[in-house]
């Protein structure tokens, strides 16, 4: 069983931080769609240094400097906590003897913090973290790294992710997939798969 982390086991959203900093919801959304964009953040998932990245971005957006630097200085506030229902599923699978791995797009520093912060991280048999590998989902290469490193048979492996583009990429390589929406839905789909 292979789990994504953010959005599946960890409740991560930049808005958890920025709702504390913006009084105007529309201004916050402008900032997250035009300044600290998904494309900009993807570089962090590929291993770029967050502090340097924020400093470069702030140089081009001086009016937004304080908000940009908060991404580097208070980034862990974007992770509100664990999703208890999914943690229960992971715990049950491990207790039943199912090998469990994590495949996640995440910055190296954030992964180190969250490994210590969340006890469930110790349940995994192994990790593939994009920031360590220099390649991120949905690139097929990161799935190949996972399969090769842990000698996994794609047809006997279930991959769980909250992003459809990532489950689609996994299916192309022969993995079984669950597009995660909620712990209850995940539990139902895993039962249908025989878990």
N, C-alpha and C. Protein backbone atom coordinates (compact mmCIF):
# COMPACT_ATOMS: atom_id res chain seq x y z
N UNK A 1 0.85 -1.18 0.00
CA UNK A 1 0.00 0.00 0.00
C UNK A 1 0.90 1.24 0.00
N UNK A 2 0.63 2.15 -0.91
CA UNK A 2 1.46 3.36 -1.02
C UNK A 2 0.56 4.59 -0.82
N UNK A 3 0.91 5.39 0.16
CA UNK A 3 0.13 6.58 0.51
C UNK A 3 0.84 7.86 0.09
N UNK A 4 0.10 8.78 -0.50
CA UNK A 4 0.50 10.18 -0.53
C UNK A 4 0.40 10.70 0.91
N UNK A 5 1.10 11.79 1.22
CA UNK A 5 1.03 12.35 2.57
C UNK A 5 0.09 13.55 2.63
N UNK A 6 0.46 14.66 1.96
CA UNK A 6 -0.36 15.87 2.02
C UNK A 6 -1.71 15.66 1.34
N UNK A 7 -2.79 15.92 2.08
CA UNK A 7 -4.13 15.75 1.52
C UNK A 7 -4.71 14.37 1.76
N UNK A 8 -3.89 13.42 2.20
CA UNK A 8 -4.35 12.06 2.48
C UNK A 8 -4.16 11.72 3.96
N UNK A 9 -2.95 11.94 4.46
CA UNK A 9 -2.66 11.69 5.88
C UNK A 9 -2.40 12.98 6.66
N UNK A 10 -1.93 14.01 5.96
CA UNK A 10 -1.65 15.30 6.59
C UNK A 10 -2.56 16.34 5.95
N UNK A 11 -3.26 17.10 6.79
CA UNK A 11 -4.18 18.14 6.33
C UNK A 11 -3.36 19.40 6.03
N UNK A 12 -2.92 19.51 4.77
CA UNK A 12 -2.03 20.61 4.36
C UNK A 12 -2.75 21.54 3.41
N UNK A 13 -2.64 22.83 3.68
CA UNK A 13 -3.21 23.85 2.79
C UNK A 13 -2.58 25.19 3.17
N UNK A 14 -1.99 25.91 2.21
CA UNK A 14 -1.39 27.22 2.54
C UNK A 14 -2.38 28.17 3.20
N UNK A 15 -3.66 27.97 2.95
CA UNK A 15 -4.67 28.89 3.51
C UNK A 15 -4.73 28.81 5.03
N UNK A 16 -4.31 27.70 5.63
CA UNK A 16 -4.28 27.63 7.09
C UNK A 16 -3.36 28.71 7.66
N UNK A 17 -2.26 28.97 6.98
CA UNK A 17 -1.37 30.07 7.38
C UNK A 17 -1.93 31.42 6.97
N UNK A 18 -2.30 31.54 5.69
CA UNK A 18 -2.59 32.88 5.15
C UNK A 18 -3.93 33.45 5.62
N UNK A 19 -4.83 32.60 6.09
CA UNK A 19 -6.06 33.15 6.70
C UNK A 19 -5.74 33.92 7.97
N UNK A 20 -4.63 33.61 8.61
CA UNK A 20 -4.20 34.34 9.79
C UNK A 20 -3.59 35.69 9.43
N UNK A 21 -3.11 35.81 8.21
CA UNK A 21 -2.33 36.99 7.81
C UNK A 21 -3.11 37.98 6.97
N UNK A 22 -4.11 37.49 6.23
CA UNK A 22 -4.93 38.36 5.38
C UNK A 22 -6.27 38.62 6.06
N UNK A 23 -6.73 39.85 6.00
CA UNK A 23 -8.09 40.15 6.46
C UNK A 23 -9.09 40.08 5.31
N UNK A 24 -8.58 40.17 4.08
CA UNK A 24 -9.42 40.18 2.89
C UNK A 24 -9.25 38.84 2.16
N UNK A 25 -10.33 38.04 2.11
CA UNK A 25 -10.26 36.72 1.47
C UNK A 25 -9.86 36.82 0.00
N UNK A 26 -10.43 37.78 -0.72
CA UNK A 26 -10.13 37.93 -2.15
C UNK A 26 -8.66 38.27 -2.35
N UNK A 27 -8.11 39.08 -1.46
CA UNK A 27 -6.68 39.45 -1.58
C UNK A 27 -5.80 38.23 -1.31
N UNK A 28 -6.21 37.40 -0.37
CA UNK A 28 -5.46 36.16 -0.10
C UNK A 28 -5.46 35.26 -1.34
N UNK A 29 -6.63 35.11 -1.96
CA UNK A 29 -6.72 34.26 -3.14
C UNK A 29 -5.90 34.82 -4.30
N UNK A 30 -5.91 36.14 -4.45
CA UNK A 30 -5.06 36.77 -5.48
C UNK A 30 -3.60 36.43 -5.23
N UNK A 31 -3.17 36.55 -3.99
CA UNK A 31 -1.78 36.27 -3.62
C UNK A 31 -1.41 34.82 -3.94
N UNK A 32 -2.31 33.89 -3.62
CA UNK A 32 -2.00 32.47 -3.82
C UNK A 32 -2.14 32.02 -5.27
N UNK A 33 -2.83 32.79 -6.09
CA UNK A 33 -2.94 32.41 -7.51
C UNK A 33 -2.00 33.22 -8.40
N UNK A 34 -1.55 34.38 -7.93
CA UNK A 34 -0.71 35.24 -8.78
C UNK A 34 0.72 35.41 -8.28
N UNK A 35 0.95 35.17 -6.99
CA UNK A 35 2.30 35.40 -6.44
C UNK A 35 2.90 34.06 -6.00
N UNK A 36 2.43 33.51 -4.90
CA UNK A 36 2.90 32.20 -4.44
C UNK A 36 2.05 31.12 -5.13
N UNK A 37 2.35 30.90 -6.39
CA UNK A 37 1.54 30.03 -7.24
C UNK A 37 1.92 28.55 -7.06
N UNK A 38 1.06 27.69 -7.56
CA UNK A 38 1.37 26.25 -7.53
C UNK A 38 2.64 25.96 -8.32
N UNK A 39 2.82 26.63 -9.46
CA UNK A 39 4.01 26.40 -10.28
C UNK A 39 5.27 26.82 -9.53
N UNK A 40 5.20 27.94 -8.81
CA UNK A 40 6.34 28.39 -7.99
C UNK A 40 6.62 27.38 -6.89
N UNK A 41 5.59 26.92 -6.21
CA UNK A 41 5.78 25.97 -5.10
C UNK A 41 6.32 24.63 -5.59
N UNK A 42 6.01 24.26 -6.81
CA UNK A 42 6.49 22.97 -7.34
C UNK A 42 8.01 22.88 -7.28
N UNK A 43 8.70 24.02 -7.43
CA UNK A 43 10.16 23.99 -7.36
C UNK A 43 10.64 23.52 -5.99
N UNK A 44 9.87 23.83 -4.94
CA UNK A 44 10.23 23.36 -3.59
C UNK A 44 10.09 21.84 -3.53
N UNK A 45 9.04 21.32 -4.15
CA UNK A 45 8.85 19.87 -4.17
C UNK A 45 9.99 19.17 -4.90
N UNK A 46 10.66 19.90 -5.78
CA UNK A 46 11.79 19.34 -6.52
C UNK A 46 13.11 19.55 -5.79
N UNK A 47 13.05 20.19 -4.61
CA UNK A 47 14.25 20.33 -3.78
C UNK A 47 14.83 21.72 -3.68
N UNK A 48 14.20 22.73 -4.31
CA UNK A 48 14.72 24.10 -4.22
C UNK A 48 14.68 24.58 -2.78
N UNK A 49 15.67 25.37 -2.38
CA UNK A 49 15.71 25.94 -1.04
C UNK A 49 14.59 26.97 -0.88
N UNK A 50 13.74 26.79 0.12
CA UNK A 50 12.55 27.63 0.26
C UNK A 50 12.92 29.06 0.61
N UNK A 51 13.87 29.25 1.51
CA UNK A 51 14.25 30.62 1.90
C UNK A 51 14.77 31.39 0.70
N UNK A 52 15.67 30.77 -0.07
CA UNK A 52 16.21 31.45 -1.25
C UNK A 52 15.11 31.71 -2.28
N UNK A 53 14.23 30.75 -2.45
CA UNK A 53 13.12 30.89 -3.40
C UNK A 53 12.22 32.06 -3.00
N UNK A 54 11.91 32.17 -1.71
CA UNK A 54 11.07 33.26 -1.23
C UNK A 54 11.77 34.61 -1.39
N UNK A 55 13.04 34.63 -1.14
CA UNK A 55 13.79 35.89 -1.29
C UNK A 55 13.81 36.35 -2.75
N UNK A 56 13.99 35.41 -3.67
CA UNK A 56 13.97 35.76 -5.10
C UNK A 56 12.59 36.27 -5.51
N UNK A 57 11.54 35.56 -5.07
CA UNK A 57 10.19 35.97 -5.42
C UNK A 57 9.87 37.34 -4.83
N UNK A 58 10.28 37.58 -3.60
CA UNK A 58 10.01 38.86 -2.93
C UNK A 58 10.71 40.01 -3.64
N UNK A 59 11.86 39.74 -4.24
CA UNK A 59 12.57 40.81 -4.98
C UNK A 59 11.73 41.30 -6.15
N UNK A 60 10.93 40.41 -6.73
CA UNK A 60 10.08 40.80 -7.84
C UNK A 60 8.70 41.29 -7.43
N UNK A 61 8.36 41.08 -6.16
CA UNK A 61 7.04 41.49 -5.62
C UNK A 61 7.25 42.19 -4.27
N UNK A 62 7.92 43.35 -4.28
CA UNK A 62 8.26 43.98 -2.99
C UNK A 62 7.05 44.32 -2.12
N UNK A 63 5.92 44.61 -2.72
CA UNK A 63 4.73 44.94 -1.92
C UNK A 63 4.21 43.73 -1.15
N UNK A 64 4.53 42.54 -1.64
CA UNK A 64 4.07 41.30 -1.00
C UNK A 64 5.17 40.62 -0.19
N UNK A 65 6.28 41.32 0.05
CA UNK A 65 7.45 40.68 0.65
C UNK A 65 7.14 39.96 1.96
N UNK A 66 6.43 40.61 2.87
CA UNK A 66 6.17 40.01 4.19
C UNK A 66 5.36 38.72 4.04
N UNK A 67 4.38 38.74 3.16
CA UNK A 67 3.55 37.56 2.96
C UNK A 67 4.34 36.42 2.31
N UNK A 68 5.19 36.78 1.35
CA UNK A 68 6.02 35.76 0.70
C UNK A 68 6.97 35.12 1.71
N UNK A 69 7.63 35.93 2.52
CA UNK A 69 8.60 35.40 3.47
C UNK A 69 7.93 34.54 4.55
N UNK A 70 6.64 34.79 4.80
CA UNK A 70 5.92 33.94 5.76
C UNK A 70 5.89 32.49 5.29
N UNK A 71 5.91 32.28 3.96
CA UNK A 71 5.92 30.91 3.43
C UNK A 71 7.13 30.15 3.95
N UNK A 72 8.27 30.82 3.99
CA UNK A 72 9.50 30.19 4.48
C UNK A 72 9.54 30.16 6.00
N UNK A 73 9.10 31.24 6.63
CA UNK A 73 9.28 31.39 8.08
C UNK A 73 8.23 30.65 8.89
N UNK A 74 7.03 30.46 8.33
CA UNK A 74 5.92 29.87 9.09
C UNK A 74 5.25 28.74 8.32
N UNK A 75 6.01 28.11 7.45
CA UNK A 75 5.44 27.10 6.55
C UNK A 75 4.78 25.94 7.24
N UNK A 76 5.23 25.57 8.43
CA UNK A 76 4.64 24.41 9.10
C UNK A 76 3.21 24.69 9.56
N UNK A 77 2.82 25.97 9.63
CA UNK A 77 1.45 26.30 9.98
C UNK A 77 0.47 25.96 8.84
N UNK A 78 1.00 25.60 7.68
CA UNK A 78 0.16 25.13 6.58
C UNK A 78 -0.32 23.70 6.81
N UNK A 79 0.35 22.98 7.69
CA UNK A 79 -0.03 21.59 8.01
C UNK A 79 -0.83 21.62 9.31
N UNK A 80 -2.16 21.56 9.18
CA UNK A 80 -3.04 21.73 10.34
C UNK A 80 -2.97 20.56 11.30
N UNK A 81 -2.66 19.39 10.80
CA UNK A 81 -2.60 18.20 11.63
C UNK A 81 -2.79 16.96 10.79
N UNK A 82 -2.94 15.82 11.44
CA UNK A 82 -3.15 14.57 10.72
C UNK A 82 -4.63 14.36 10.46
N UNK A 83 -4.92 13.57 9.43
CA UNK A 83 -6.29 13.16 9.14
C UNK A 83 -6.51 11.83 9.86
N UNK A 84 -7.16 11.90 11.00
CA UNK A 84 -7.25 10.74 11.90
C UNK A 84 -7.84 9.51 11.24
N UNK A 85 -8.87 9.71 10.40
CA UNK A 85 -9.50 8.56 9.76
C UNK A 85 -8.55 7.78 8.87
N UNK A 86 -7.69 8.50 8.15
CA UNK A 86 -6.72 7.82 7.28
C UNK A 86 -5.61 7.19 8.10
N UNK A 87 -5.21 7.86 9.18
CA UNK A 87 -4.19 7.28 10.06
C UNK A 87 -4.70 5.95 10.63
N UNK A 88 -5.99 5.89 10.96
CA UNK A 88 -6.57 4.63 11.46
C UNK A 88 -6.49 3.53 10.41
N UNK A 89 -6.72 3.89 9.15
CA UNK A 89 -6.63 2.90 8.07
C UNK A 89 -5.20 2.41 7.92
N UNK A 90 -4.24 3.34 7.92
CA UNK A 90 -2.82 2.97 7.83
C UNK A 90 -2.44 2.04 8.99
N UNK A 91 -2.88 2.39 10.19
CA UNK A 91 -2.56 1.58 11.38
C UNK A 91 -3.14 0.18 11.25
N UNK A 92 -4.37 0.07 10.76
CA UNK A 92 -5.02 -1.24 10.58
C UNK A 92 -4.29 -2.08 9.53
N UNK A 93 -3.90 -1.45 8.44
CA UNK A 93 -3.18 -2.17 7.39
C UNK A 93 -1.86 -2.72 7.91
N UNK A 94 -1.13 -1.88 8.65
CA UNK A 94 0.14 -2.34 9.22
C UNK A 94 -0.08 -3.49 10.20
N UNK A 95 -1.13 -3.39 11.03
CA UNK A 95 -1.41 -4.44 11.99
C UNK A 95 -1.76 -5.76 11.30
N UNK A 96 -2.32 -5.64 10.08
CA UNK A 96 -2.67 -6.84 9.30
C UNK A 96 -1.49 -7.37 8.50
N UNK A 97 -0.36 -6.72 8.61
CA UNK A 97 0.85 -7.20 7.94
C UNK A 97 1.04 -6.70 6.52
N UNK A 98 0.30 -5.66 6.12
CA UNK A 98 0.44 -5.11 4.77
C UNK A 98 1.62 -4.12 4.76
N UNK A 99 2.62 -4.33 3.90
CA UNK A 99 3.71 -3.36 3.81
C UNK A 99 3.17 -2.01 3.31
N UNK A 100 3.58 -0.94 3.97
CA UNK A 100 3.07 0.40 3.63
C UNK A 100 4.22 1.35 3.38
N UNK A 101 4.09 2.12 2.30
CA UNK A 101 5.11 3.08 1.89
C UNK A 101 4.47 4.44 1.67
N UNK A 102 5.30 5.48 1.70
CA UNK A 102 4.82 6.84 1.41
C UNK A 102 5.53 7.35 0.16
N UNK A 103 4.76 7.92 -0.75
CA UNK A 103 5.28 8.57 -1.95
C UNK A 103 4.65 9.96 -1.98
N UNK A 104 5.47 10.99 -1.76
CA UNK A 104 4.91 12.32 -1.56
C UNK A 104 5.76 13.40 -2.22
N UNK A 105 5.07 14.40 -2.75
CA UNK A 105 5.73 15.63 -3.16
C UNK A 105 5.88 16.49 -1.92
N UNK A 106 7.12 16.69 -1.47
CA UNK A 106 7.35 17.45 -0.24
C UNK A 106 8.79 17.94 -0.22
N UNK A 107 8.98 19.10 0.40
CA UNK A 107 10.31 19.66 0.55
C UNK A 107 11.11 18.85 1.57
N UNK A 108 12.43 18.73 1.38
CA UNK A 108 13.24 17.95 2.33
C UNK A 108 13.12 18.45 3.77
N UNK A 109 13.17 19.76 4.00
CA UNK A 109 13.09 20.28 5.36
C UNK A 109 11.74 20.01 5.98
N UNK A 110 10.67 20.19 5.20
CA UNK A 110 9.32 19.92 5.72
C UNK A 110 9.17 18.45 6.07
N UNK A 111 9.73 17.56 5.23
CA UNK A 111 9.63 16.13 5.52
C UNK A 111 10.32 15.81 6.85
N UNK A 112 11.50 16.38 7.08
CA UNK A 112 12.22 16.11 8.33
C UNK A 112 11.40 16.55 9.54
N UNK A 113 10.78 17.72 9.45
CA UNK A 113 9.95 18.23 10.55
C UNK A 113 8.74 17.33 10.76
N UNK A 114 8.08 16.97 9.68
CA UNK A 114 6.84 16.18 9.80
C UNK A 114 7.12 14.74 10.20
N UNK A 115 8.28 14.23 9.86
CA UNK A 115 8.64 12.88 10.31
C UNK A 115 8.68 12.85 11.83
N UNK A 116 9.23 13.90 12.42
CA UNK A 116 9.29 13.98 13.88
C UNK A 116 7.94 14.37 14.49
N UNK A 117 7.18 15.19 13.77
CA UNK A 117 5.92 15.73 14.32
C UNK A 117 4.81 14.68 14.39
N UNK A 118 4.73 13.80 13.39
CA UNK A 118 3.60 12.88 13.28
C UNK A 118 4.05 11.45 13.59
N UNK A 119 3.49 10.88 14.66
CA UNK A 119 3.90 9.53 15.07
C UNK A 119 3.63 8.49 13.99
N UNK A 120 2.57 8.68 13.19
CA UNK A 120 2.22 7.67 12.18
C UNK A 120 3.31 7.50 11.14
N UNK A 121 4.19 8.49 10.99
CA UNK A 121 5.27 8.38 9.99
C UNK A 121 6.18 7.18 10.28
N UNK A 122 6.26 6.79 11.55
CA UNK A 122 7.14 5.65 11.92
C UNK A 122 6.55 4.32 11.47
N UNK A 123 5.27 4.31 11.03
CA UNK A 123 4.64 3.07 10.59
C UNK A 123 5.10 2.64 9.20
N UNK A 124 5.64 3.56 8.42
CA UNK A 124 5.96 3.25 7.03
C UNK A 124 7.21 2.37 6.92
N UNK A 125 7.17 1.50 5.91
CA UNK A 125 8.32 0.65 5.62
C UNK A 125 9.36 1.36 4.76
N UNK A 126 8.99 2.49 4.17
CA UNK A 126 9.94 3.25 3.36
C UNK A 126 9.26 4.47 2.77
N UNK A 127 10.10 5.39 2.31
CA UNK A 127 9.62 6.67 1.76
C UNK A 127 10.29 6.97 0.43
N UNK A 128 9.53 7.60 -0.46
CA UNK A 128 10.09 8.28 -1.63
C UNK A 128 9.54 9.70 -1.57
N UNK A 129 10.43 10.67 -1.35
CA UNK A 129 10.04 12.07 -1.17
C UNK A 129 10.64 12.89 -2.31
N UNK A 130 9.79 13.61 -3.01
CA UNK A 130 10.22 14.31 -4.23
C UNK A 130 11.41 15.22 -4.01
N UNK A 131 11.42 15.95 -2.91
CA UNK A 131 12.52 16.88 -2.66
C UNK A 131 13.87 16.21 -2.49
N UNK A 132 13.86 14.94 -2.10
CA UNK A 132 15.11 14.17 -2.01
C UNK A 132 15.51 13.61 -3.37
N UNK A 133 14.52 13.37 -4.21
CA UNK A 133 14.78 12.69 -5.49
C UNK A 133 15.02 13.65 -6.65
N UNK A 134 14.54 14.90 -6.52
CA UNK A 134 14.66 15.86 -7.63
C UNK A 134 13.67 15.61 -8.75
N UNK A 135 12.64 14.84 -8.46
CA UNK A 135 11.58 14.57 -9.42
C UNK A 135 10.29 14.44 -8.62
N UNK A 136 9.17 14.91 -9.19
CA UNK A 136 7.91 14.97 -8.44
C UNK A 136 6.79 14.33 -9.24
N UNK A 137 5.78 13.83 -8.51
CA UNK A 137 4.55 13.37 -9.17
C UNK A 137 3.96 14.53 -9.96
N UNK A 138 3.36 14.29 -11.11
CA UNK A 138 3.04 12.98 -11.70
C UNK A 138 4.10 12.41 -12.64
N UNK A 139 5.34 12.89 -12.59
CA UNK A 139 6.39 12.36 -13.45
C UNK A 139 6.52 10.84 -13.23
N UNK A 140 6.42 10.05 -14.29
CA UNK A 140 6.51 8.59 -14.11
C UNK A 140 7.80 8.14 -13.42
N UNK A 141 8.86 8.93 -13.54
CA UNK A 141 10.15 8.53 -12.97
C UNK A 141 10.08 8.32 -11.46
N UNK A 142 9.29 9.14 -10.76
CA UNK A 142 9.24 8.98 -9.30
C UNK A 142 8.52 7.69 -8.91
N UNK A 143 7.57 7.25 -9.73
CA UNK A 143 6.91 5.96 -9.48
C UNK A 143 7.89 4.82 -9.76
N UNK A 144 8.72 4.97 -10.78
CA UNK A 144 9.72 3.93 -11.07
C UNK A 144 10.73 3.82 -9.94
N UNK A 145 11.12 4.97 -9.36
CA UNK A 145 12.02 4.96 -8.20
C UNK A 145 11.40 4.14 -7.07
N UNK A 146 10.13 4.40 -6.79
CA UNK A 146 9.42 3.67 -5.74
C UNK A 146 9.43 2.17 -6.02
N UNK A 147 9.02 1.79 -7.21
CA UNK A 147 8.90 0.36 -7.55
C UNK A 147 10.25 -0.33 -7.50
N UNK A 148 11.29 0.33 -8.01
CA UNK A 148 12.62 -0.28 -8.05
C UNK A 148 13.24 -0.35 -6.66
N UNK A 149 13.13 0.73 -5.90
CA UNK A 149 13.80 0.80 -4.59
C UNK A 149 13.27 -0.26 -3.64
N UNK A 150 11.96 -0.50 -3.68
CA UNK A 150 11.35 -1.43 -2.73
C UNK A 150 10.91 -2.74 -3.37
N UNK A 151 11.34 -2.95 -4.63
CA UNK A 151 11.05 -4.19 -5.36
C UNK A 151 9.55 -4.52 -5.32
N UNK A 152 8.74 -3.53 -5.68
CA UNK A 152 7.29 -3.69 -5.66
C UNK A 152 6.77 -4.15 -7.01
N UNK A 153 5.81 -5.04 -7.00
CA UNK A 153 5.10 -5.48 -8.19
C UNK A 153 3.95 -4.49 -8.41
N UNK A 154 3.94 -3.75 -9.52
CA UNK A 154 2.88 -2.76 -9.73
C UNK A 154 1.48 -3.34 -9.59
N UNK A 155 1.26 -4.52 -10.12
CA UNK A 155 -0.08 -5.12 -10.11
C UNK A 155 -0.53 -5.51 -8.71
N UNK A 156 0.42 -5.63 -7.77
CA UNK A 156 0.09 -6.00 -6.39
C UNK A 156 0.20 -4.79 -5.46
N UNK A 157 0.31 -3.60 -6.03
CA UNK A 157 0.51 -2.37 -5.25
C UNK A 157 -0.66 -1.42 -5.47
N UNK A 158 -1.17 -0.87 -4.37
CA UNK A 158 -2.25 0.12 -4.42
C UNK A 158 -1.66 1.47 -4.06
N UNK A 159 -1.91 2.47 -4.91
CA UNK A 159 -1.43 3.83 -4.68
C UNK A 159 -2.61 4.74 -4.38
N UNK A 160 -2.52 5.49 -3.29
CA UNK A 160 -3.60 6.37 -2.82
C UNK A 160 -3.12 7.81 -2.88
N UNK A 161 -3.87 8.66 -3.60
CA UNK A 161 -3.48 10.07 -3.74
C UNK A 161 -4.74 10.90 -3.92
N UNK A 162 -4.67 12.16 -3.49
CA UNK A 162 -5.84 13.04 -3.62
C UNK A 162 -5.84 13.80 -4.94
N UNK A 163 -4.82 13.66 -5.76
CA UNK A 163 -4.76 14.35 -7.06
C UNK A 163 -4.95 13.35 -8.19
N UNK A 164 -5.96 13.58 -9.01
CA UNK A 164 -6.28 12.65 -10.10
C UNK A 164 -5.12 12.50 -11.07
N UNK A 165 -4.38 13.58 -11.33
CA UNK A 165 -3.24 13.48 -12.27
C UNK A 165 -2.19 12.49 -11.76
N UNK A 166 -2.07 12.36 -10.43
CA UNK A 166 -1.08 11.44 -9.87
C UNK A 166 -1.57 9.99 -9.93
N UNK A 167 -2.85 9.77 -9.64
CA UNK A 167 -3.36 8.40 -9.75
C UNK A 167 -3.38 7.96 -11.21
N UNK A 168 -3.64 8.88 -12.13
CA UNK A 168 -3.62 8.54 -13.56
C UNK A 168 -2.22 8.11 -13.98
N UNK A 169 -1.20 8.84 -13.50
CA UNK A 169 0.19 8.49 -13.84
C UNK A 169 0.55 7.11 -13.28
N UNK A 170 0.08 6.82 -12.07
CA UNK A 170 0.37 5.51 -11.46
C UNK A 170 -0.30 4.38 -12.24
N UNK A 171 -1.54 4.61 -12.66
CA UNK A 171 -2.25 3.57 -13.44
C UNK A 171 -1.53 3.26 -14.74
N UNK A 172 -0.94 4.28 -15.36
CA UNK A 172 -0.19 4.07 -16.61
C UNK A 172 0.95 3.07 -16.42
N UNK A 173 1.48 3.01 -15.19
CA UNK A 173 2.58 2.10 -14.89
C UNK A 173 2.10 0.77 -14.30
N UNK A 174 0.78 0.57 -14.27
CA UNK A 174 0.23 -0.71 -13.86
C UNK A 174 -0.15 -0.82 -12.40
N UNK A 175 -0.04 0.26 -11.62
CA UNK A 175 -0.46 0.20 -10.23
C UNK A 175 -1.98 0.29 -10.14
N UNK A 176 -2.54 -0.32 -9.11
CA UNK A 176 -3.94 -0.09 -8.78
C UNK A 176 -4.00 1.21 -7.99
N UNK A 177 -5.08 1.96 -8.12
CA UNK A 177 -5.12 3.29 -7.51
C UNK A 177 -6.45 3.56 -6.83
N UNK A 178 -6.39 4.46 -5.84
CA UNK A 178 -7.58 5.03 -5.22
C UNK A 178 -7.39 6.54 -5.23
N UNK A 179 -8.34 7.24 -5.88
CA UNK A 179 -8.33 8.71 -5.84
C UNK A 179 -9.00 9.12 -4.53
N UNK A 180 -8.22 9.59 -3.58
CA UNK A 180 -8.69 9.84 -2.22
C UNK A 180 -9.60 11.05 -2.15
N UNK A 181 -10.76 10.87 -1.49
CA UNK A 181 -11.67 11.98 -1.21
C UNK A 181 -11.94 12.11 0.29
N UNK A 182 -12.00 10.97 1.00
CA UNK A 182 -12.25 10.98 2.44
C UNK A 182 -11.83 9.63 3.01
N UNK A 183 -11.59 9.57 4.31
CA UNK A 183 -11.26 8.26 4.91
C UNK A 183 -12.36 7.22 4.70
N UNK A 184 -13.63 7.63 4.81
CA UNK A 184 -14.73 6.66 4.63
C UNK A 184 -14.73 6.10 3.21
N UNK A 185 -14.54 6.96 2.23
CA UNK A 185 -14.50 6.52 0.83
C UNK A 185 -13.29 5.61 0.60
N UNK A 186 -12.14 5.96 1.20
CA UNK A 186 -10.94 5.12 1.06
C UNK A 186 -11.19 3.74 1.64
N UNK A 187 -11.80 3.69 2.82
CA UNK A 187 -12.07 2.40 3.46
C UNK A 187 -12.96 1.53 2.57
N UNK A 188 -14.00 2.14 1.97
CA UNK A 188 -14.91 1.41 1.08
C UNK A 188 -14.15 0.86 -0.12
N UNK A 189 -13.33 1.70 -0.75
CA UNK A 189 -12.62 1.26 -1.98
C UNK A 189 -11.57 0.19 -1.65
N UNK A 190 -10.93 0.30 -0.50
CA UNK A 190 -9.95 -0.72 -0.14
C UNK A 190 -10.65 -2.06 0.13
N UNK A 191 -11.83 -2.02 0.72
CA UNK A 191 -12.59 -3.26 0.93
C UNK A 191 -12.91 -3.91 -0.42
N UNK A 192 -13.28 -3.08 -1.39
CA UNK A 192 -13.59 -3.61 -2.73
C UNK A 192 -12.35 -4.23 -3.37
N UNK A 193 -11.16 -3.74 -3.00
CA UNK A 193 -9.91 -4.29 -3.52
C UNK A 193 -9.41 -5.47 -2.71
N UNK A 194 -10.14 -5.82 -1.65
CA UNK A 194 -9.80 -7.00 -0.88
C UNK A 194 -8.99 -6.73 0.37
N UNK A 195 -8.95 -5.48 0.83
CA UNK A 195 -8.19 -5.12 2.04
C UNK A 195 -9.12 -4.80 3.20
